[in-house]
Amino acid sequence: MTFPHGTAQQLREDRILEEAAVTGADPQHLCAVFNITPETGLRYTRFFHPDPTDSDDVSGCNMETS
């Protein structure tokens, strides 16, 4: 299903990123609110606090895995 501003998956990812932005990118909070795994919660927080030693570039990728 396509919505005026993207797919349902894109809208969910945008909502998770917005929630991360307003809550200080707390991965535990994201896991509890969106029922995502800890690994996925950390991937969303890395968007705001990238690890310079991490070889995974999460910007511009499909972040949802669970």
C-alpha atoms as a PDB file:
ATOM      1  CA  MET A   1       0.000   0.000   0.000  1.00  0.00           C
ATOM      2  CA  THR A   2       1.336   3.415  -0.899  1.00  0.00           C
ATOM      3  CA  PHE A   3       0.452   6.489   1.106  1.00  0.00           C
ATOM      4  CA  PRO A   4       0.742  10.078  -0.129  1.00  0.00           C
ATOM      5  CA  HIS A   5       4.103  10.444   1.649  1.00  0.00           C
ATOM      6  CA  GLY A   6       5.534   6.950   1.145  1.00  0.00           C
ATOM      7  CA  THR A   7       4.939   3.353   2.040  1.00  0.00           C
ATOM      8  CA  ALA A   8       3.750   2.175   5.432  1.00  0.00           C
ATOM      9  CA  GLN A   9       7.282   0.915   6.135  1.00  0.00           C
ATOM     10  CA  GLN A  10       8.780   4.323   5.334  1.00  0.00           C
ATOM     11  CA  LEU A  11       6.239   6.041   7.554  1.00  0.00           C
ATOM     12  CA  ARG A  12       7.077   3.654  10.423  1.00  0.00           C
ATOM     13  CA  GLU A  13      10.804   4.274  10.023  1.00  0.00           C
ATOM     14  CA  ASP A  14      10.228   8.034   9.942  1.00  0.00           C
ATOM     15  CA  ARG A  15       8.112   7.797  13.106  1.00  0.00           C
ATOM     16  CA  ILE A  16      10.794   5.793  14.908  1.00  0.00           C
ATOM     17  CA  LEU A  17      13.459   8.318  13.879  1.00  0.00           C
ATOM     18  CA  GLU A  18      11.238  11.179  15.035  1.00  0.00           C
ATOM     19  CA  GLU A  19      10.675   9.467  18.391  1.00  0.00           C
ATOM     20  CA  ALA A  20      14.414   8.889  18.732  1.00  0.00           C
ATOM     21  CA  ALA A  21      15.068  12.564  18.033  1.00  0.00           C
ATOM     22  CA  VAL A  22      12.684  13.852  20.697  1.00  0.00           C
ATOM     23  CA  THR A  23      13.637  11.313  23.370  1.00  0.00           C
ATOM     24  CA  GLY A  24      17.407  11.605  23.135  1.00  0.00           C
ATOM     25  CA  ALA A  25      17.823   8.462  21.020  1.00  0.00           C
ATOM     26  CA  ASP A  26      17.215   6.032  23.874  1.00  0.00           C
ATOM     27  CA  PRO A  27      17.284   2.515  22.378  1.00  0.00           C
ATOM     28  CA  GLN A  28      15.374   0.966  25.307  1.00  0.00           C
ATOM     29  CA  HIS A  29      12.565   3.456  24.857  1.00  0.00           C
ATOM     30  CA  LEU A  30      12.375   2.717  21.131  1.00  0.00           C
ATOM     31  CA  CYS A  31      12.248  -1.033  21.794  1.00  0.00           C
ATOM     32  CA  ALA A  32       9.417  -0.640  24.286  1.00  0.00           C
ATOM     33  CA  VAL A  33       7.339   1.764  22.214  1.00  0.00           C
ATOM     34  CA  PHE A  34       7.765   0.150  18.790  1.00  0.00           C
ATOM     35  CA  ASN A  35       8.301  -3.497  19.769  1.00  0.00           C
ATOM     36  CA  ILE A  36      11.629  -3.731  17.968  1.00  0.00           C
ATOM     37  CA  THR A  37      14.691  -5.773  18.898  1.00  0.00           C
ATOM     38  CA  PRO A  38      17.563  -4.223  20.864  1.00  0.00           C
ATOM     39  CA  GLU A  39      19.777  -4.477  17.769  1.00  0.00           C
ATOM     40  CA  THR A  40      17.250  -2.510  15.718  1.00  0.00           C
ATOM     41  CA  GLY A  41      16.879   0.049  18.503  1.00  0.00           C
ATOM     42  CA  LEU A  42      20.636   0.561  18.498  1.00  0.00           C
ATOM     43  CA  ARG A  43      20.662   0.970  14.720  1.00  0.00           C
ATOM     44  CA  TYR A  44      18.180   3.832  15.034  1.00  0.00           C
ATOM     45  CA  THR A  45      20.197   5.501  17.793  1.00  0.00           C
ATOM     46  CA  ARG A  46      23.384   5.247  15.718  1.00  0.00           C
ATOM     47  CA  PHE A  47      21.670   7.533  13.227  1.00  0.00           C
ATOM     48  CA  PHE A  48      22.008  10.282  15.863  1.00  0.00           C
ATOM     49  CA  HIS A  49      25.192   9.083  17.579  1.00  0.00           C
ATOM     50  CA  PRO A  50      27.337   7.373  14.929  1.00  0.00           C
ATOM     51  CA  ASP A  51      30.288   5.308  16.079  1.00  0.00           C
ATOM     52  CA  PRO A  52      33.295   6.503  14.054  1.00  0.00           C
ATOM     53  CA  THR A  53      34.939   3.084  14.438  1.00  0.00           C
ATOM     54  CA  ASP A  54      31.860   1.245  13.117  1.00  0.00           C
ATOM     55  CA  SER A  55      32.084   0.180   9.481  1.00  0.00           C
ATOM     56  CA  ASP A  56      28.267   0.033   9.058  1.00  0.00           C
ATOM     57  CA  ASP A  57      26.952   3.220   7.519  1.00  0.00           C
ATOM     58  CA  VAL A  58      23.297   3.428   8.571  1.00  0.00           C
ATOM     59  CA  SER A  59      22.526   6.713   6.852  1.00  0.00           C
ATOM     60  CA  GLY A  60      20.273   6.280   3.882  1.00  0.00           C
ATOM     61  CA  CYS A  61      19.608   2.585   4.410  1.00  0.00           C
ATOM     62  CA  ASN A  62      16.474   0.661   5.213  1.00  0.00           C
ATOM     63  CA  MET A  63      16.799   0.470   8.974  1.00  0.00           C
ATOM     64  CA  GLU A  64      13.897  -1.766   9.972  1.00  0.00           C
ATOM     65  CA  THR A  65      14.851  -5.401  10.540  1.00  0.00           C
ATOM     66  CA  SER A  66      12.181  -6.656  12.875  1.00  0.00           C
END
